[in-house]
Amino acid sequence: MSIYMIILSIVCVAILAFALIYTLFIAKGQKAVEGELDSKISGAVKEHSYIRNPIFLTYIIIIGLALLYVAYEAFQHRY
């Protein structure tokens, strides 16, 4: 493995670890739903509904990492 792949692997593991810790932190902070199907949405989430959505963030991060990898491979195999 090249040094770049090792660095990329370390960055990926760090992002995954942060995401896991953040998810556990948020899950512990949520109160149990008391007889309702839906809970109230906080003001910060209402104001930034796309930025606070983990699905959109995941797509943006994955696409960004894929573009970086493609650029890396393109520069590695230039003629």
PDB file of N, CA and C in Angstrom:
ATOM      1  N   MET A   1       0.833  -1.187   0.000  1.00  0.00           N
ATOM      2  CA  MET A   1       0.000   0.000   0.000  1.00  0.00           C
ATOM      3  C   MET A   1       0.871   1.241   0.000  1.00  0.00           C
ATOM      4  N   SER A   2       0.437   2.225  -0.744  1.00  0.00           N
ATOM      5  CA  SER A   2       1.178   3.475  -0.775  1.00  0.00           C
ATOM      6  C   SER A   2       0.816   4.319   0.442  1.00  0.00           C
ATOM      7  N   ILE A   3       1.605   5.330   0.680  1.00  0.00           N
ATOM      8  CA  ILE A   3       1.377   6.212   1.825  1.00  0.00           C
ATOM      9  C   ILE A   3       0.042   6.948   1.680  1.00  0.00           C
ATOM     10  N   TYR A   4      -0.349   7.271   0.439  1.00  0.00           N
ATOM     11  CA  TYR A   4      -1.618   7.964   0.228  1.00  0.00           C
ATOM     12  C   TYR A   4      -2.806   7.088   0.585  1.00  0.00           C
ATOM     13  N   MET A   5      -2.726   5.823   0.273  1.00  0.00           N
ATOM     14  CA  MET A   5      -3.818   4.913   0.615  1.00  0.00           C
ATOM     15  C   MET A   5      -3.901   4.713   2.127  1.00  0.00           C
ATOM     16  N   ILE A   6      -2.765   4.686   2.787  1.00  0.00           N
ATOM     17  CA  ILE A   6      -2.763   4.557   4.247  1.00  0.00           C
ATOM     18  C   ILE A   6      -3.384   5.800   4.874  1.00  0.00           C
ATOM     19  N   ILE A   7      -3.014   6.975   4.379  1.00  0.00           N
ATOM     20  CA  ILE A   7      -3.584   8.216   4.894  1.00  0.00           C
ATOM     21  C   ILE A   7      -5.078   8.264   4.630  1.00  0.00           C
ATOM     22  N   LEU A   8      -5.503   7.873   3.431  1.00  0.00           N
ATOM     23  CA  LEU A   8      -6.923   7.849   3.099  1.00  0.00           C
ATOM     24  C   LEU A   8      -7.669   6.869   4.000  1.00  0.00           C
ATOM     25  N   SER A   9      -7.072   5.735   4.283  1.00  0.00           N
ATOM     26  CA  SER A   9      -7.698   4.753   5.173  1.00  0.00           C
ATOM     27  C   SER A   9      -7.845   5.308   6.585  1.00  0.00           C
ATOM     28  N   ILE A  10      -6.819   5.994   7.060  1.00  0.00           N
ATOM     29  CA  ILE A  10      -6.869   6.588   8.400  1.00  0.00           C
ATOM     30  C   ILE A  10      -7.954   7.660   8.462  1.00  0.00           C
ATOM     31  N   VAL A  11      -8.051   8.477   7.425  1.00  0.00           N
ATOM     32  CA  VAL A  11      -9.084   9.518   7.385  1.00  0.00           C
ATOM     33  C   VAL A  11     -10.472   8.885   7.385  1.00  0.00           C
ATOM     34  N   CYS A  12     -10.659   7.828   6.609  1.00  0.00           N
ATOM     35  CA  CYS A  12     -11.957   7.148   6.560  1.00  0.00           C
ATOM     36  C   CYS A  12     -12.325   6.549   7.907  1.00  0.00           C
ATOM     37  N   VAL A  13     -11.379   5.927   8.573  1.00  0.00           N
ATOM     38  CA  VAL A  13     -11.634   5.347   9.889  1.00  0.00           C
ATOM     39  C   VAL A  13     -11.950   6.445  10.900  1.00  0.00           C
ATOM     40  N   ALA A  14     -11.255   7.557  10.820  1.00  0.00           N
ATOM     41  CA  ALA A  14     -11.522   8.671  11.723  1.00  0.00           C
ATOM     42  C   ALA A  14     -12.929   9.231  11.505  1.00  0.00           C
ATOM     43  N   ILE A  15     -13.341   9.359  10.254  1.00  0.00           N
ATOM     44  CA  ILE A  15     -14.690   9.851   9.957  1.00  0.00           C
ATOM     45  C   ILE A  15     -15.732   8.874  10.476  1.00  0.00           C
ATOM     46  N   LEU A  16     -15.505   7.590  10.270  1.00  0.00           N
ATOM     47  CA  LEU A  16     -16.453   6.586  10.760  1.00  0.00           C
ATOM     48  C   LEU A  16     -16.537   6.596  12.290  1.00  0.00           C
ATOM     49  N   ALA A  17     -15.390   6.733  12.957  1.00  0.00           N
ATOM     50  CA  ALA A  17     -15.381   6.771  14.414  1.00  0.00           C
ATOM     51  C   ALA A  17     -16.132   8.008  14.918  1.00  0.00           C
ATOM     52  N   PHE A  18     -15.873   9.162  14.291  1.00  0.00           N
ATOM     53  CA  PHE A  18     -16.586  10.381  14.677  1.00  0.00           C
ATOM     54  C   PHE A  18     -18.081  10.225  14.469  1.00  0.00           C
ATOM     55  N   ALA A  19     -18.481   9.648  13.343  1.00  0.00           N
ATOM     56  CA  ALA A  19     -19.905   9.469  13.051  1.00  0.00           C
ATOM     57  C   ALA A  19     -20.557   8.536  14.066  1.00  0.00           C
ATOM     58  N   LEU A  20     -19.860   7.482  14.449  1.00  0.00           N
ATOM     59  CA  LEU A  20     -20.402   6.551  15.437  1.00  0.00           C
ATOM     60  C   LEU A  20     -20.569   7.226  16.793  1.00  0.00           C
ATOM     61  N   ILE A  21     -19.545   7.942  17.230  1.00  0.00           N
ATOM     62  CA  ILE A  21     -19.602   8.625  18.526  1.00  0.00           C
ATOM     63  C   ILE A  21     -20.691   9.695  18.501  1.00  0.00           C
ATOM     64  N   TYR A  22     -20.766  10.452  17.416  1.00  0.00           N
ATOM     65  CA  TYR A  22     -21.788  11.492  17.300  1.00  0.00           C
ATOM     66  C   TYR A  22     -23.185  10.889  17.311  1.00  0.00           C
ATOM     67  N   THR A  23     -23.375   9.775  16.611  1.00  0.00           N
ATOM     68  CA  THR A  23     -24.672   9.113  16.587  1.00  0.00           C
ATOM     69  C   THR A  23     -25.063   8.615  17.972  1.00  0.00           C
ATOM     70  N   LEU A  24     -24.117   8.014  18.682  1.00  0.00           N
ATOM     71  CA  LEU A  24     -24.412   7.541  20.031  1.00  0.00           C
ATOM     72  C   LEU A  24     -24.736   8.699  20.960  1.00  0.00           C
ATOM     73  N   PHE A  25     -24.028   9.806  20.820  1.00  0.00           N
ATOM     74  CA  PHE A  25     -24.265  10.983  21.649  1.00  0.00           C
ATOM     75  C   PHE A  25     -25.665  11.546  21.398  1.00  0.00           C
ATOM     76  N   ILE A  26     -26.046  11.652  20.132  1.00  0.00           N
ATOM     77  CA  ILE A  26     -27.369  12.171  19.785  1.00  0.00           C
ATOM     78  C   ILE A  26     -28.462  11.200  20.241  1.00  0.00           C
ATOM     79  N   ALA A  27     -28.222   9.900  20.084  1.00  0.00           N
ATOM     80  CA  ALA A  27     -29.227   8.908  20.478  1.00  0.00           C
ATOM     81  C   ALA A  27     -29.477   8.945  21.983  1.00  0.00           C
ATOM     82  N   LYS A  28     -28.437   9.152  22.769  1.00  0.00           N
ATOM     83  CA  LYS A  28     -28.623   9.236  24.220  1.00  0.00           C
ATOM     84  C   LYS A  28     -29.343  10.516  24.611  1.00  0.00           C
ATOM     85  N   GLY A  29     -29.169  11.561  23.805  1.00  0.00           N
ATOM     86  CA  GLY A  29     -29.803  12.837  24.112  1.00  0.00           C
ATOM     87  C   GLY A  29     -31.279  12.895  23.772  1.00  0.00           C
ATOM     88  N   GLN A  30     -31.742  11.977  22.958  1.00  0.00           N
ATOM     89  CA  GLN A  30     -33.155  11.973  22.568  1.00  0.00           C
ATOM     90  C   GLN A  30     -34.003  11.451  23.723  1.00  0.00           C
ATOM     91  N   LYS A  31     -35.113  12.094  23.941  1.00  0.00           N
ATOM     92  CA  LYS A  31     -36.041  11.624  24.964  1.00  0.00           C
ATOM     93  C   LYS A  31     -36.962  10.583  24.350  1.00  0.00           C
ATOM     94  N   ALA A  32     -37.409   9.681  25.151  1.00  0.00           N
ATOM     95  CA  ALA A  32     -38.337   8.652  24.666  1.00  0.00           C
ATOM     96  C   ALA A  32     -39.659   9.311  24.285  1.00  0.00           C
ATOM     97  N   VAL A  33     -40.237   8.842  23.215  1.00  0.00           N
ATOM     98  CA  VAL A  33     -41.513   9.375  22.761  1.00  0.00           C
ATOM     99  C   VAL A  33     -42.592   8.899  23.727  1.00  0.00           C
ATOM    100  N   GLU A  34     -43.372   9.864  24.211  1.00  0.00           N
ATOM    101  CA  GLU A  34     -44.379   9.530  25.217  1.00  0.00           C
ATOM    102  C   GLU A  34     -45.761   9.449  24.584  1.00  0.00           C
ATOM    103  N   GLY A  35     -46.077   8.340  23.980  1.00  0.00           N
ATOM    104  CA  GLY A  35     -47.404   8.127  23.445  1.00  0.00           C
ATOM    105  C   GLY A  35     -47.681   8.804  22.116  1.00  0.00           C
ATOM    106  N   GLU A  36     -46.735   9.502  21.562  1.00  0.00           N
ATOM    107  CA  GLU A  36     -46.922  10.155  20.273  1.00  0.00           C
ATOM    108  C   GLU A  36     -46.102   9.434  19.220  1.00  0.00           C
ATOM    109  N   LEU A  37     -46.569   9.510  17.995  1.00  0.00           N
ATOM    110  CA  LEU A  37     -45.814   8.883  16.913  1.00  0.00           C
ATOM    111  C   LEU A  37     -44.630   9.742  16.499  1.00  0.00           C
ATOM    112  N   ASP A  38     -44.810  11.045  16.515  1.00  0.00           N
ATOM    113  CA  ASP A  38     -43.741  11.954  16.110  1.00  0.00           C
ATOM    114  C   ASP A  38     -43.456  12.925  17.245  1.00  0.00           C
ATOM    115  N   SER A  39     -42.217  13.311  17.357  1.00  0.00           N
ATOM    116  CA  SER A  39     -41.849  14.312  18.341  1.00  0.00           C
ATOM    117  C   SER A  39     -41.691  15.658  17.650  1.00  0.00           C
ATOM    118  N   LYS A  40     -41.558  16.715  18.428  1.00  0.00           N
ATOM    119  CA  LYS A  40     -41.411  18.053  17.860  1.00  0.00           C
ATOM    120  C   LYS A  40     -40.041  18.192  17.209  1.00  0.00           C
ATOM    121  N   ILE A  41     -39.997  18.964  16.145  1.00  0.00           N
ATOM    122  CA  ILE A  41     -38.749  19.221  15.432  1.00  0.00           C
ATOM    123  C   ILE A  41     -38.150  20.504  15.990  1.00  0.00           C
ATOM    124  N   SER A  42     -36.883  20.465  16.346  1.00  0.00           N
ATOM    125  CA  SER A  42     -36.242  21.640  16.929  1.00  0.00           C
ATOM    126  C   SER A  42     -36.111  22.759  15.900  1.00  0.00           C
ATOM    127  N   GLY A  43     -35.945  23.976  16.387  1.00  0.00           N
ATOM    128  CA  GLY A  43     -35.844  25.144  15.516  1.00  0.00           C
ATOM    129  C   GLY A  43     -34.623  25.108  14.611  1.00  0.00           C
ATOM    130  N   ALA A  44     -33.505  24.602  15.133  1.00  0.00           N
ATOM    131  CA  ALA A  44     -32.283  24.540  14.316  1.00  0.00           C
ATOM    132  C   ALA A  44     -32.456  23.597  13.137  1.00  0.00           C
ATOM    133  N   VAL A  45     -33.151  22.510  13.346  1.00  0.00           N
ATOM    134  CA  VAL A  45     -33.370  21.558  12.262  1.00  0.00           C
ATOM    135  C   VAL A  45     -34.359  22.135  11.251  1.00  0.00           C
ATOM    136  N   LYS A  46     -35.366  22.852  11.725  1.00  0.00           N
ATOM    137  CA  LYS A  46     -36.322  23.476  10.813  1.00  0.00           C
ATOM    138  C   LYS A  46     -35.635  24.500   9.913  1.00  0.00           C
ATOM    139  N   GLU A  47     -34.708  25.272  10.486  1.00  0.00           N
ATOM    140  CA  GLU A  47     -34.016  26.311   9.722  1.00  0.00           C
ATOM    141  C   GLU A  47     -33.041  25.720   8.711  1.00  0.00           C
ATOM    142  N   HIS A  48     -32.406  24.609   9.059  1.00  0.00           N
ATOM    143  CA  HIS A  48     -31.385  24.000   8.200  1.00  0.00           C
ATOM    144  C   HIS A  48     -31.748  22.546   7.918  1.00  0.00           C
ATOM    145  N   SER A  49     -32.877  22.350   7.284  1.00  0.00           N
ATOM    146  CA  SER A  49     -33.378  20.986   7.103  1.00  0.00           C
ATOM    147  C   SER A  49     -32.484  20.142   6.203  1.00  0.00           C
ATOM    148  N   TYR A  50     -31.810  20.735   5.241  1.00  0.00           N
ATOM    149  CA  TYR A  50     -30.941  19.956   4.362  1.00  0.00           C
ATOM    150  C   TYR A  50     -29.567  19.751   4.974  1.00  0.00           C
ATOM    151  N   ILE A  51     -29.049  20.764   5.635  1.00  0.00           N
ATOM    152  CA  ILE A  51     -27.711  20.654   6.220  1.00  0.00           C
ATOM    153  C   ILE A  51     -27.708  19.678   7.388  1.00  0.00           C
ATOM    154  N   ARG A  52     -28.772  19.626   8.160  1.00  0.00           N
ATOM    155  CA  ARG A  52     -28.836  18.751   9.338  1.00  0.00           C
ATOM    156  C   ARG A  52     -29.303  17.333   9.007  1.00  0.00           C
ATOM    157  N   ASN A  53     -29.601  17.058   7.760  1.00  0.00           N
ATOM    158  CA  ASN A  53     -30.086  15.736   7.375  1.00  0.00           C
ATOM    159  C   ASN A  53     -28.891  14.810   7.135  1.00  0.00           C
ATOM    160  N   PRO A  54     -28.741  13.739   7.915  1.00  0.00           N
ATOM    161  CA  PRO A  54     -27.568  12.872   7.767  1.00  0.00           C
ATOM    162  C   PRO A  54     -27.509  12.145   6.427  1.00  0.00           C
ATOM    163  N   ILE A  55     -28.644  11.910   5.797  1.00  0.00           N
ATOM    164  CA  ILE A  55     -28.626  11.237   4.496  1.00  0.00           C
ATOM    165  C   ILE A  55     -27.975  12.135   3.450  1.00  0.00           C
ATOM    166  N   PHE A  56     -28.374  13.412   3.424  1.00  0.00           N
ATOM    167  CA  PHE A  56     -27.770  14.345   2.472  1.00  0.00           C
ATOM    168  C   PHE A  56     -26.279  14.526   2.758  1.00  0.00           C
ATOM    169  N   LEU A  57     -25.925  14.619   4.037  1.00  0.00           N
ATOM    170  CA  LEU A  57     -24.515  14.760   4.396  1.00  0.00           C
ATOM    171  C   LEU A  57     -23.716  13.541   3.947  1.00  0.00           C
ATOM    172  N   THR A  58     -24.289  12.357   4.106  1.00  0.00           N
ATOM    173  CA  THR A  58     -23.607  11.139   3.685  1.00  0.00           C
ATOM    174  C   THR A  58     -23.372  11.141   2.183  1.00  0.00           C
ATOM    175  N   TYR A  59     -24.395  11.498   1.410  1.00  0.00           N
ATOM    176  CA  TYR A  59     -24.234  11.559  -0.045  1.00  0.00           C
ATOM    177  C   TYR A  59     -23.174  12.578  -0.444  1.00  0.00           C
ATOM    178  N   ILE A  60     -23.181  13.739   0.176  1.00  0.00           N
ATOM    179  CA  ILE A  60     -22.205  14.780  -0.155  1.00  0.00           C
ATOM    180  C   ILE A  60     -20.791  14.308   0.170  1.00  0.00           C
ATOM    181  N   ILE A  61     -20.605  13.700   1.334  1.00  0.00           N
ATOM    182  CA  ILE A  61     -19.276  13.229   1.732  1.00  0.00           C
ATOM    183  C   ILE A  61     -18.798  12.111   0.815  1.00  0.00           C
ATOM    184  N   ILE A  62     -19.661  11.154   0.503  1.00  0.00           N
ATOM    185  CA  ILE A  62     -19.267  10.033  -0.352  1.00  0.00           C
ATOM    186  C   ILE A  62     -18.916  10.510  -1.754  1.00  0.00           C
ATOM    187  N   ILE A  63     -19.734  11.419  -2.297  1.00  0.00           N
ATOM    188  CA  ILE A  63     -19.441  11.948  -3.632  1.00  0.00           C
ATOM    189  C   ILE A  63     -18.131  12.718  -3.629  1.00  0.00           C
ATOM    190  N   GLY A  64     -17.898  13.497  -2.584  1.00  0.00           N
ATOM    191  CA  GLY A  64     -16.639  14.236  -2.470  1.00  0.00           C
ATOM    192  C   GLY A  64     -15.435  13.307  -2.386  1.00  0.00           C
ATOM    193  N   LEU A  65     -15.539  12.256  -1.576  1.00  0.00           N
ATOM    194  CA  LEU A  65     -14.438  11.303  -1.464  1.00  0.00           C
ATOM    195  C   LEU A  65     -14.220  10.549  -2.773  1.00  0.00           C
ATOM    196  N   ALA A  66     -15.303  10.218  -3.459  1.00  0.00           N
ATOM    197  CA  ALA A  66     -15.168   9.531  -4.747  1.00  0.00           C
ATOM    198  C   ALA A  66     -14.483  10.431  -5.772  1.00  0.00           C
ATOM    199  N   LEU A  67     -14.844  11.711  -5.795  1.00  0.00           N
ATOM    200  CA  LEU A  67     -14.189  12.646  -6.716  1.00  0.00           C
ATOM    201  C   LEU A  67     -12.710  12.810  -6.386  1.00  0.00           C
ATOM    202  N   LEU A  68     -12.382  12.861  -5.105  1.00  0.00           N
ATOM    203  CA  LEU A  68     -10.974  12.952  -4.714  1.00  0.00           C
ATOM    204  C   LEU A  68     -10.209  11.703  -5.148  1.00  0.00           C
ATOM    205  N   TYR A  69     -10.828  10.546  -5.002  1.00  0.00           N
ATOM    206  CA  TYR A  69     -10.167   9.303  -5.408  1.00  0.00           C
ATOM    207  C   TYR A  69      -9.970   9.256  -6.918  1.00  0.00           C
ATOM    208  N   VAL A  70     -10.976   9.684  -7.667  1.00  0.00           N
ATOM    209  CA  VAL A  70     -10.855   9.698  -9.124  1.00  0.00           C
ATOM    210  C   VAL A  70      -9.753  10.664  -9.550  1.00  0.00           C
ATOM    211  N   ALA A  71      -9.698  11.828  -8.920  1.00  0.00           N
ATOM    212  CA  ALA A  71      -8.652  12.794  -9.239  1.00  0.00           C
ATOM    213  C   ALA A  71      -7.277  12.230  -8.894  1.00  0.00           C
ATOM    214  N   TYR A  72      -7.181  11.555  -7.759  1.00  0.00           N
ATOM    215  CA  TYR A  72      -5.912  10.940  -7.356  1.00  0.00           C
ATOM    216  C   TYR A  72      -5.469   9.901  -8.388  1.00  0.00           C
ATOM    217  N   GLU A  73      -6.385   9.029  -8.778  1.00  0.00           N
ATOM    218  CA  GLU A  73      -6.045   8.008  -9.765  1.00  0.00           C
ATOM    219  C   GLU A  73      -5.703   8.624 -11.116  1.00  0.00           C
ATOM    220  N   ALA A  74      -6.383   9.689 -11.492  1.00  0.00           N
ATOM    221  CA  ALA A  74      -6.109  10.346 -12.770  1.00  0.00           C
ATOM    222  C   ALA A  74      -4.706  10.943 -12.778  1.00  0.00           C
ATOM    223  N   PHE A  75      -4.302  11.532 -11.678  1.00  0.00           N
ATOM    224  CA  PHE A  75      -2.964  12.126 -11.619  1.00  0.00           C
ATOM    225  C   PHE A  75      -1.873  11.076 -11.470  1.00  0.00           C
ATOM    226  N   GLN A  76      -2.214   9.935 -10.892  1.00  0.00           N
ATOM    227  CA  GLN A  76      -1.224   8.853 -10.746  1.00  0.00           C
ATOM    228  C   GLN A  76      -0.890   8.218 -12.099  1.00  0.00           C
ATOM    229  N   HIS A  77      -1.846   8.129 -12.990  1.00  0.00           N
ATOM    230  CA  HIS A  77      -1.660   7.411 -14.248  1.00  0.00           C
ATOM    231  C   HIS A  77      -1.616   8.329 -15.457  1.00  0.00           C
ATOM    232  N   ARG A  78      -1.125   9.541 -15.256  1.00  0.00           N
ATOM    233  CA  ARG A  78      -0.978  10.458 -16.395  1.00  0.00           C
ATOM    234  C   ARG A  78       0.140   9.969 -17.293  1.00  0.00           C
ATOM    235  N   TYR A  79       0.008  10.259 -18.574  1.00  0.00           N
ATOM    236  CA  TYR A  79       1.031   9.842 -19.530  1.00  0.00           C
ATOM    237  C   TYR A  79       1.942  10.980 -19.864  1.00  0.00           C
TER     238      TYR A  79
END
